[in-house]
Amino acid sequence: MTQKLKNKVAVVTGGSSGIGLATAKLFAQQGAQVVITGRNTTNLDNAIVEIGANSLAIPGDVANLADLDRIYQTVSDKLGKIDVLIINAAVYVLAPLANFTEEQFDKLSDINFKGTFFSVQKALPYLNDGASIVLTSSVVAEKGVPNHSAYAATKAAVRSLARSFSAELLDRRIRVNVLTPGPVDTPVFETITSTKAEAEAAKAGMGNFTPAKRVASAHEIAEANLYLASDDSAFMIGGEILIDGGIRSL
């Protein structure tokens, strides 16, 4: 079987769990040299064991521009130019509009919006011409859902960035596209609940919210990332793959 990312260098931000980890594992299987980033070194170490050979973990915070400089310089020193950049690092903070705090707003904005913007900007000198960049949005970016106002706004911003970035990077043939998932079976449910039982209940509730009556597996989303990362999607520029179990359409 032909490996779609053979000899490519791929960087996955937020690659130590969930969609990021599933994507990193799939990319490694497809022949890429994979670099993952994240803030938790223990999670990164565990992820590298799962990904296997040809993988590298670099700790760092996408909201910290000095960290981004260090991450990309390390990739350059060890592996050379980057062919695929998956911007996946994000936080999921929910609260009613009336109760939302400035601290919560800043956390979402710093990681989801600012982090996405500068993860791409800082990567530019280290990207090969013809590289593929994939930004991770969310189905709620174009759907009104209670308690999601700030989170949804950051993900709508991500969708907008892909269009603008693509227009600016045409001369380098760098494609910027968006992957827009619905609810996915990841550890994120544990971050918005207090117990494992509550996390499972939240996951079930999200699944019932979809016409498909389930949440996606992280691997299903990773397969879409592979399409956007590879030459299979060479004619996609500033586009979007919606993989949401029918939420937006039905």
C-alpha atoms as a PDB file:
ATOM      1  CA  MET A   1       0.000   0.000   0.000  1.00  0.00           C
ATOM      2  CA  THR A   2       1.320   3.446  -0.927  1.00  0.00           C
ATOM      3  CA  GLN A   3       2.032   5.657   2.057  1.00  0.00           C
ATOM      4  CA  LYS A   4       0.422   9.033   1.412  1.00  0.00           C
ATOM      5  CA  LEU A   5       2.837  10.996   3.608  1.00  0.00           C
ATOM      6  CA  LYS A   6       6.053   9.103   2.956  1.00  0.00           C
ATOM      7  CA  ASN A   7       9.116  11.176   3.870  1.00  0.00           C
ATOM      8  CA  LYS A   8       6.945  14.159   4.859  1.00  0.00           C
ATOM      9  CA  VAL A   9       7.478  16.145   8.064  1.00  0.00           C
ATOM     10  CA  ALA A  10       4.193  16.732   9.884  1.00  0.00           C
ATOM     11  CA  VAL A  11       3.636  18.871  12.984  1.00  0.00           C
ATOM     12  CA  VAL A  12       0.477  18.345  15.050  1.00  0.00           C
ATOM     13  CA  THR A  13      -0.235  20.883  17.781  1.00  0.00           C
ATOM     14  CA  GLY A  14      -2.209  19.482  20.694  1.00  0.00           C
ATOM     15  CA  GLY A  15      -1.043  16.052  19.602  1.00  0.00           C
ATOM     16  CA  SER A  16      -0.921  14.205  22.920  1.00  0.00           C
ATOM     17  CA  SER A  17      -4.565  13.075  23.091  1.00  0.00           C
ATOM     18  CA  GLY A  18      -7.866  12.899  21.248  1.00  0.00           C
ATOM     19  CA  ILE A  19      -8.001  13.994  17.618  1.00  0.00           C
ATOM     20  CA  GLY A  20      -4.391  15.182  17.671  1.00  0.00           C
ATOM     21  CA  LEU A  21      -3.028  11.861  18.881  1.00  0.00           C
ATOM     22  CA  ALA A  22      -5.178   9.848  16.475  1.00  0.00           C
ATOM     23  CA  THR A  23      -3.954  12.072  13.645  1.00  0.00           C
ATOM     24  CA  ALA A  24      -0.320  11.741  14.662  1.00  0.00           C
ATOM     25  CA  LYS A  25      -0.609   7.942  14.808  1.00  0.00           C
ATOM     26  CA  LEU A  26      -2.245   7.764  11.391  1.00  0.00           C
ATOM     27  CA  PHE A  27       0.316  10.110   9.846  1.00  0.00           C
ATOM     28  CA  ALA A  28       3.167   7.990  11.213  1.00  0.00           C
ATOM     29  CA  GLN A  29       1.546   4.896   9.701  1.00  0.00           C
ATOM     30  CA  GLN A  30       1.382   6.789   6.408  1.00  0.00           C
ATOM     31  CA  GLY A  31       5.136   7.368   6.403  1.00  0.00           C
ATOM     32  CA  ALA A  32       5.452  10.829   7.951  1.00  0.00           C
ATOM     33  CA  GLN A  33       7.992  11.957  10.487  1.00  0.00           C
ATOM     34  CA  VAL A  34       5.623  13.302  13.125  1.00  0.00           C
ATOM     35  CA  VAL A  35       6.154  16.038  15.674  1.00  0.00           C
ATOM     36  CA  ILE A  36       3.550  16.588  18.388  1.00  0.00           C
ATOM     37  CA  THR A  37       3.271  19.519  20.762  1.00  0.00           C
ATOM     38  CA  GLY A  38       1.387  20.047  24.010  1.00  0.00           C
ATOM     39  CA  ARG A  39       1.618  21.553  27.458  1.00  0.00           C
ATOM     40  CA  ASN A  40       1.692  18.348  29.516  1.00  0.00           C
ATOM     41  CA  THR A  41       5.014  16.520  29.273  1.00  0.00           C
ATOM     42  CA  THR A  42       3.667  13.303  30.795  1.00  0.00           C
ATOM     43  CA  ASN A  43       0.911  13.138  28.191  1.00  0.00           C
ATOM     44  CA  LEU A  44       3.442  13.852  25.460  1.00  0.00           C
ATOM     45  CA  ASP A  45       5.724  11.059  26.655  1.00  0.00           C
ATOM     46  CA  ASN A  46       2.824   8.590  26.725  1.00  0.00           C
ATOM     47  CA  ALA A  47       1.697   9.692  23.262  1.00  0.00           C
ATOM     48  CA  ILE A  48       5.132   9.115  21.757  1.00  0.00           C
ATOM     49  CA  VAL A  49       5.005   5.514  22.956  1.00  0.00           C
ATOM     50  CA  GLU A  50       1.675   5.091  21.134  1.00  0.00           C
ATOM     51  CA  ILE A  51       2.847   6.784  17.944  1.00  0.00           C
ATOM     52  CA  GLY A  52       6.051   4.785  17.775  1.00  0.00           C
ATOM     53  CA  ALA A  53       9.092   5.307  15.584  1.00  0.00           C
ATOM     54  CA  ASN A  54       9.702   8.490  13.606  1.00  0.00           C
ATOM     55  CA  SER A  55       7.985  10.666  16.210  1.00  0.00           C
ATOM     56  CA  LEU A  56       9.128  13.564  18.344  1.00  0.00           C
ATOM     57  CA  ALA A  57       7.414  15.441  21.179  1.00  0.00           C
ATOM     58  CA  ILE A  58       8.172  19.085  21.925  1.00  0.00           C
ATOM     59  CA  PRO A  59       6.462  20.656  24.952  1.00  0.00           C
ATOM     60  CA  GLY A  60       5.080  24.140  24.531  1.00  0.00           C
ATOM     61  CA  ASP A  61       2.071  26.422  24.740  1.00  0.00           C
ATOM     62  CA  VAL A  62       0.622  27.721  21.459  1.00  0.00           C
ATOM     63  CA  ALA A  63      -0.470  30.902  23.226  1.00  0.00           C
ATOM     64  CA  ASN A  64       3.183  31.666  24.049  1.00  0.00           C
ATOM     65  CA  LEU A  65       4.981  33.084  21.021  1.00  0.00           C
ATOM     66  CA  ALA A  66       8.417  32.296  22.425  1.00  0.00           C
ATOM     67  CA  ASP A  67       7.356  28.656  22.770  1.00  0.00           C
ATOM     68  CA  LEU A  68       6.250  28.619  19.129  1.00  0.00           C
ATOM     69  CA  ASP A  69       9.614  30.015  18.012  1.00  0.00           C
ATOM     70  CA  ARG A  70      11.400  27.332  20.018  1.00  0.00           C
ATOM     71  CA  ILE A  71       9.159  24.533  18.723  1.00  0.00           C
ATOM     72  CA  TYR A  72       9.669  25.401  15.067  1.00  0.00           C
ATOM     73  CA  GLN A  73      13.397  25.971  15.460  1.00  0.00           C
ATOM     74  CA  THR A  74      13.696  22.535  17.113  1.00  0.00           C
ATOM     75  CA  VAL A  75      11.784  20.914  14.259  1.00  0.00           C
ATOM     76  CA  SER A  76      14.058  22.672  11.771  1.00  0.00           C
ATOM     77  CA  ASP A  77      17.216  21.600  13.566  1.00  0.00           C
ATOM     78  CA  LYS A  78      16.154  17.960  13.846  1.00  0.00           C
ATOM     79  CA  LEU A  79      14.035  17.289  10.759  1.00  0.00           C
ATOM     80  CA  GLY A  80      14.271  20.194   8.335  1.00  0.00           C
ATOM     81  CA  LYS A  81      11.327  21.888   6.604  1.00  0.00           C
ATOM     82  CA  ILE A  82       7.690  21.170   7.462  1.00  0.00           C
ATOM     83  CA  ASP A  83       5.301  19.711   4.858  1.00  0.00           C
ATOM     84  CA  VAL A  84       2.128  19.371   6.939  1.00  0.00           C
ATOM     85  CA  LEU A  85       0.914  21.535   9.823  1.00  0.00           C
ATOM     86  CA  ILE A  86      -2.161  20.444  11.779  1.00  0.00           C
ATOM     87  CA  ILE A  87      -3.397  23.180  14.110  1.00  0.00           C
ATOM     88  CA  ASN A  88      -5.367  21.174  16.623  1.00  0.00           C
ATOM     89  CA  ALA A  89      -4.494  22.641  20.037  1.00  0.00           C
ATOM     90  CA  ALA A  90      -7.592  24.098  21.673  1.00  0.00           C
ATOM     91  CA  VAL A  91      -9.555  24.339  24.910  1.00  0.00           C
ATOM     92  CA  TYR A  92     -13.260  23.754  25.438  1.00  0.00           C
ATOM     93  CA  VAL A  93     -14.773  26.064  28.049  1.00  0.00           C
ATOM     94  CA  LEU A  94     -18.550  26.209  28.504  1.00  0.00           C
ATOM     95  CA  ALA A  95     -20.680  28.534  30.641  1.00  0.00           C
ATOM     96  CA  PRO A  96     -23.878  30.560  30.328  1.00  0.00           C
ATOM     97  CA  LEU A  97     -23.438  34.019  28.833  1.00  0.00           C
ATOM     98  CA  ALA A  98     -24.524  35.680  32.096  1.00  0.00           C
ATOM     99  CA  ASN A  99     -21.866  33.841  34.097  1.00  0.00           C
ATOM    100  CA  PHE A 100     -18.930  33.807  31.671  1.00  0.00           C
ATOM    101  CA  THR A 101     -15.804  35.318  33.231  1.00  0.00           C
ATOM    102  CA  GLU A 102     -13.037  37.392  31.706  1.00  0.00           C
ATOM    103  CA  GLU A 103     -10.574  34.677  32.696  1.00  0.00           C
ATOM    104  CA  GLN A 104     -12.571  32.064  30.777  1.00  0.00           C
ATOM    105  CA  PHE A 105     -12.855  34.349  27.767  1.00  0.00           C
ATOM    106  CA  ASP A 106      -9.129  35.094  27.712  1.00  0.00           C
ATOM    107  CA  LYS A 107      -8.231  31.411  28.009  1.00  0.00           C
ATOM    108  CA  LEU A 108     -10.398  30.518  25.020  1.00  0.00           C
ATOM    109  CA  SER A 109      -9.212  33.468  22.961  1.00  0.00           C
ATOM    110  CA  ASP A 110      -5.525  33.019  23.765  1.00  0.00           C
ATOM    111  CA  ILE A 111      -5.376  29.339  22.825  1.00  0.00           C
ATOM    112  CA  ASN A 112      -8.078  28.866  20.188  1.00  0.00           C
ATOM    113  CA  PHE A 113      -7.764  32.152  18.278  1.00  0.00           C
ATOM    114  CA  LYS A 114      -4.424  33.763  19.076  1.00  0.00           C
ATOM    115  CA  GLY A 115      -2.780  30.335  19.276  1.00  0.00           C
ATOM    116  CA  THR A 116      -4.071  29.358  15.848  1.00  0.00           C
ATOM    117  CA  PHE A 117      -3.066  32.667  14.249  1.00  0.00           C
ATOM    118  CA  PHE A 118       0.483  32.660  15.546  1.00  0.00           C
ATOM    119  CA  SER A 119       0.980  28.902  15.130  1.00  0.00           C
ATOM    120  CA  VAL A 120       0.647  29.562  11.412  1.00  0.00           C
ATOM    121  CA  GLN A 121       2.489  32.890  11.309  1.00  0.00           C
ATOM    122  CA  LYS A 122       5.492  31.589  13.225  1.00  0.00           C
ATOM    123  CA  ALA A 123       5.639  28.468  11.036  1.00  0.00           C
ATOM    124  CA  LEU A 124       5.935  30.361   7.742  1.00  0.00           C
ATOM    125  CA  PRO A 125       9.760  30.461   7.530  1.00  0.00           C
ATOM    126  CA  TYR A 126       9.879  26.745   8.318  1.00  0.00           C
ATOM    127  CA  LEU A 127       7.264  25.517   5.818  1.00  0.00           C
ATOM    128  CA  ASN A 128       8.076  24.041   2.448  1.00  0.00           C
ATOM    129  CA  ASP A 129       6.410  25.696  -0.512  1.00  0.00           C
ATOM    130  CA  GLY A 130       3.396  23.562  -1.367  1.00  0.00           C
ATOM    131  CA  ALA A 131       2.817  22.618   2.264  1.00  0.00           C
ATOM    132  CA  SER A 132      -0.623  21.790   3.641  1.00  0.00           C
ATOM    133  CA  ILE A 133      -2.040  23.510   6.720  1.00  0.00           C
ATOM    134  CA  VAL A 134      -5.205  22.256   8.417  1.00  0.00           C
ATOM    135  CA  LEU A 135      -7.008  24.349  11.026  1.00  0.00           C
ATOM    136  CA  THR A 136      -9.466  22.650  13.380  1.00  0.00           C
ATOM    137  CA  SER A 137     -12.818  24.388  13.760  1.00  0.00           C
ATOM    138  CA  SER A 138     -16.104  23.053  15.193  1.00  0.00           C
ATOM    139  CA  VAL A 139     -19.670  22.544  14.015  1.00  0.00           C
ATOM    140  CA  VAL A 140     -20.815  25.115  16.578  1.00  0.00           C
ATOM    141  CA  ALA A 141     -18.989  27.832  14.620  1.00  0.00           C
ATOM    142  CA  GLU A 142     -22.126  28.160  12.486  1.00  0.00           C
ATOM    143  CA  LYS A 143     -24.791  26.957  14.897  1.00  0.00           C
ATOM    144  CA  GLY A 144     -26.260  28.596  17.970  1.00  0.00           C
ATOM    145  CA  VAL A 145     -25.835  26.347  21.011  1.00  0.00           C
ATOM    146  CA  PRO A 146     -26.412  27.451  24.624  1.00  0.00           C
ATOM    147  CA  ASN A 147     -23.285  27.931  26.762  1.00  0.00           C
ATOM    148  CA  HIS A 148     -21.030  27.854  23.678  1.00  0.00           C
ATOM    149  CA  SER A 149     -20.914  31.544  22.708  1.00  0.00           C
ATOM    150  CA  ALA A 150     -17.230  32.297  23.303  1.00  0.00           C
ATOM    151  CA  TYR A 151     -16.006  28.879  22.209  1.00  0.00           C
ATOM    152  CA  ALA A 152     -18.097  29.020  19.026  1.00  0.00           C
ATOM    153  CA  ALA A 153     -16.789  32.491  18.237  1.00  0.00           C
ATOM    154  CA  THR A 154     -13.174  31.330  18.432  1.00  0.00           C
ATOM    155  CA  LYS A 155     -13.953  28.456  16.084  1.00  0.00           C
ATOM    156  CA  ALA A 156     -15.731  30.782  13.654  1.00  0.00           C
ATOM    157  CA  ALA A 157     -12.583  32.904  13.693  1.00  0.00           C
ATOM    158  CA  VAL A 158     -10.559  29.830  12.759  1.00  0.00           C
ATOM    159  CA  ARG A 159     -12.769  29.246   9.714  1.00  0.00           C
ATOM    160  CA  SER A 160     -12.231  32.853   8.648  1.00  0.00           C
ATOM    161  CA  LEU A 161      -8.472  32.627   9.093  1.00  0.00           C
ATOM    162  CA  ALA A 162      -8.237  29.733   6.654  1.00  0.00           C
ATOM    163  CA  ARG A 163      -9.695  31.869   3.871  1.00  0.00           C
ATOM    164  CA  SER A 164      -7.436  34.845   4.572  1.00  0.00           C
ATOM    165  CA  PHE A 165      -4.308  32.750   5.070  1.00  0.00           C
ATOM    166  CA  SER A 166      -4.964  30.891   1.818  1.00  0.00           C
ATOM    167  CA  ALA A 167      -5.239  34.151  -0.113  1.00  0.00           C
ATOM    168  CA  GLU A 168      -1.942  35.378   1.310  1.00  0.00           C
ATOM    169  CA  LEU A 169      -0.042  32.139   0.721  1.00  0.00           C
ATOM    170  CA  LEU A 170      -1.087  31.398  -2.854  1.00  0.00           C
ATOM    171  CA  ASP A 171       2.281  32.475  -4.232  1.00  0.00           C
ATOM    172  CA  ARG A 172       3.934  29.745  -2.159  1.00  0.00           C
ATOM    173  CA  ARG A 173       1.279  27.153  -3.111  1.00  0.00           C
ATOM    174  CA  ILE A 174       0.581  26.609   0.592  1.00  0.00           C
ATOM    175  CA  ARG A 175      -2.970  25.340   1.061  1.00  0.00           C
ATOM    176  CA  VAL A 176      -4.913  26.212   4.214  1.00  0.00           C
ATOM    177  CA  ASN A 177      -8.099  24.260   4.826  1.00  0.00           C
ATOM    178  CA  VAL A 178     -10.425  23.660   7.749  1.00  0.00           C
ATOM    179  CA  LEU A 179     -11.587  20.462   9.391  1.00  0.00           C
ATOM    180  CA  THR A 180     -14.919  20.959  11.161  1.00  0.00           C
ATOM    181  CA  PRO A 181     -15.923  18.082  13.434  1.00  0.00           C
ATOM    182  CA  GLY A 182     -19.024  17.571  15.491  1.00  0.00           C
ATOM    183  CA  PRO A 183     -18.814  15.808  18.887  1.00  0.00           C
ATOM    184  CA  VAL A 184     -15.914  13.366  19.104  1.00  0.00           C
ATOM    185  CA  ASP A 185     -15.030  10.664  21.631  1.00  0.00           C
ATOM    186  CA  THR A 186     -12.045  12.334  23.293  1.00  0.00           C
ATOM    187  CA  PRO A 187     -10.957  13.205  26.854  1.00  0.00           C
ATOM    188  CA  VAL A 188     -12.552  16.641  26.419  1.00  0.00           C
ATOM    189  CA  PHE A 189     -15.711  15.395  28.138  1.00  0.00           C
ATOM    190  CA  GLU A 190     -13.686  14.849  31.303  1.00  0.00           C
ATOM    191  CA  THR A 191     -12.620  18.508  31.278  1.00  0.00           C
ATOM    192  CA  ILE A 192     -16.205  19.804  31.455  1.00  0.00           C
ATOM    193  CA  THR A 193     -17.477  17.340  34.082  1.00  0.00           C
ATOM    194  CA  SER A 194     -16.529  16.289  37.600  1.00  0.00           C
ATOM    195  CA  THR A 195     -16.749  12.479  37.437  1.00  0.00           C
ATOM    196  CA  LYS A 196     -16.322   9.692  34.905  1.00  0.00           C
ATOM    197  CA  ALA A 197     -20.055   8.992  35.073  1.00  0.00           C
ATOM    198  CA  GLU A 198     -20.825  12.614  34.268  1.00  0.00           C
ATOM    199  CA  ALA A 199     -18.363  12.514  31.365  1.00  0.00           C
ATOM    200  CA  GLU A 200     -20.047   9.424  29.928  1.00  0.00           C
ATOM    201  CA  ALA A 201     -23.449  11.058  30.322  1.00  0.00           C
ATOM    202  CA  ALA A 202     -22.235  14.202  28.557  1.00  0.00           C
ATOM    203  CA  LYS A 203     -20.838  12.099  25.726  1.00  0.00           C
ATOM    204  CA  ALA A 204     -24.118  10.211  25.384  1.00  0.00           C
ATOM    205  CA  GLY A 205     -26.038  13.461  25.359  1.00  0.00           C
ATOM    206  CA  MET A 206     -23.834  14.893  22.619  1.00  0.00           C
ATOM    207  CA  GLY A 207     -24.263  11.709  20.628  1.00  0.00           C
ATOM    208  CA  ASN A 208     -28.040  11.914  20.880  1.00  0.00           C
ATOM    209  CA  PHE A 209     -27.834  15.502  19.653  1.00  0.00           C
ATOM    210  CA  THR A 210     -26.531  14.280  16.289  1.00  0.00           C
ATOM    211  CA  PRO A 211     -28.760  12.731  13.607  1.00  0.00           C
ATOM    212  CA  ALA A 212     -26.221   9.886  13.558  1.00  0.00           C
ATOM    213  CA  LYS A 213     -27.059   9.250  17.255  1.00  0.00           C
ATOM    214  CA  ARG A 214     -23.418   8.842  18.250  1.00  0.00           C
ATOM    215  CA  VAL A 215     -20.202  10.743  18.630  1.00  0.00           C
ATOM    216  CA  ALA A 216     -17.402  10.273  16.126  1.00  0.00           C
ATOM    217  CA  SER A 217     -14.285   8.293  16.896  1.00  0.00           C
ATOM    218  CA  ALA A 218     -11.038  10.250  16.917  1.00  0.00           C
ATOM    219  CA  HIS A 219      -9.805   7.988  14.110  1.00  0.00           C
ATOM    220  CA  GLU A 220     -12.681   9.064  11.854  1.00  0.00           C
ATOM    221  CA  ILE A 221     -11.592  12.677  12.238  1.00  0.00           C
ATOM    222  CA  ALA A 222      -7.944  11.727  11.724  1.00  0.00           C
ATOM    223  CA  GLU A 223      -8.841  10.169   8.368  1.00  0.00           C
ATOM    224  CA  ALA A 224     -10.243  13.523   7.257  1.00  0.00           C
ATOM    225  CA  ASN A 225      -7.029  15.213   8.401  1.00  0.00           C
ATOM    226  CA  LEU A 226      -5.081  12.729   6.272  1.00  0.00           C
ATOM    227  CA  TYR A 227      -7.100  13.667   3.204  1.00  0.00           C
ATOM    228  CA  LEU A 228      -6.466  17.377   3.765  1.00  0.00           C
ATOM    229  CA  ALA A 229      -2.776  16.796   4.505  1.00  0.00           C
ATOM    230  CA  SER A 230      -2.093  14.675   1.435  1.00  0.00           C
ATOM    231  CA  ASP A 231      -1.989  15.375  -2.287  1.00  0.00           C
ATOM    232  CA  ASP A 232      -5.475  13.831  -2.533  1.00  0.00           C
ATOM    233  CA  SER A 233      -6.857  17.269  -1.646  1.00  0.00           C
ATOM    234  CA  ALA A 234      -4.541  19.259  -3.920  1.00  0.00           C
ATOM    235  CA  PHE A 235      -7.456  21.217  -5.415  1.00  0.00           C
ATOM    236  CA  MET A 236      -8.817  22.297  -2.011  1.00  0.00           C
ATOM    237  CA  ILE A 237      -7.766  25.819  -1.029  1.00  0.00           C
ATOM    238  CA  GLY A 238      -9.472  27.716   1.789  1.00  0.00           C
ATOM    239  CA  GLY A 239     -12.085  24.954   1.958  1.00  0.00           C
ATOM    240  CA  GLU A 240     -13.755  22.979   4.700  1.00  0.00           C
ATOM    241  CA  ILE A 241     -14.560  19.365   5.478  1.00  0.00           C
ATOM    242  CA  LEU A 242     -17.632  19.074   7.691  1.00  0.00           C
ATOM    243  CA  ILE A 243     -17.769  15.776   9.580  1.00  0.00           C
ATOM    244  CA  ASP A 244     -20.466  16.240  12.194  1.00  0.00           C
ATOM    245  CA  GLY A 245     -22.889  13.342  12.085  1.00  0.00           C
ATOM    246  CA  GLY A 246     -25.428  15.511  10.258  1.00  0.00           C
ATOM    247  CA  ILE A 247     -25.845  18.262  12.885  1.00  0.00           C
ATOM    248  CA  ARG A 248     -25.510  21.205  10.537  1.00  0.00           C
ATOM    249  CA  SER A 249     -27.349  19.702   7.565  1.00  0.00           C
ATOM    250  CA  LEU A 250     -30.301  17.804   9.032  1.00  0.00           C
END
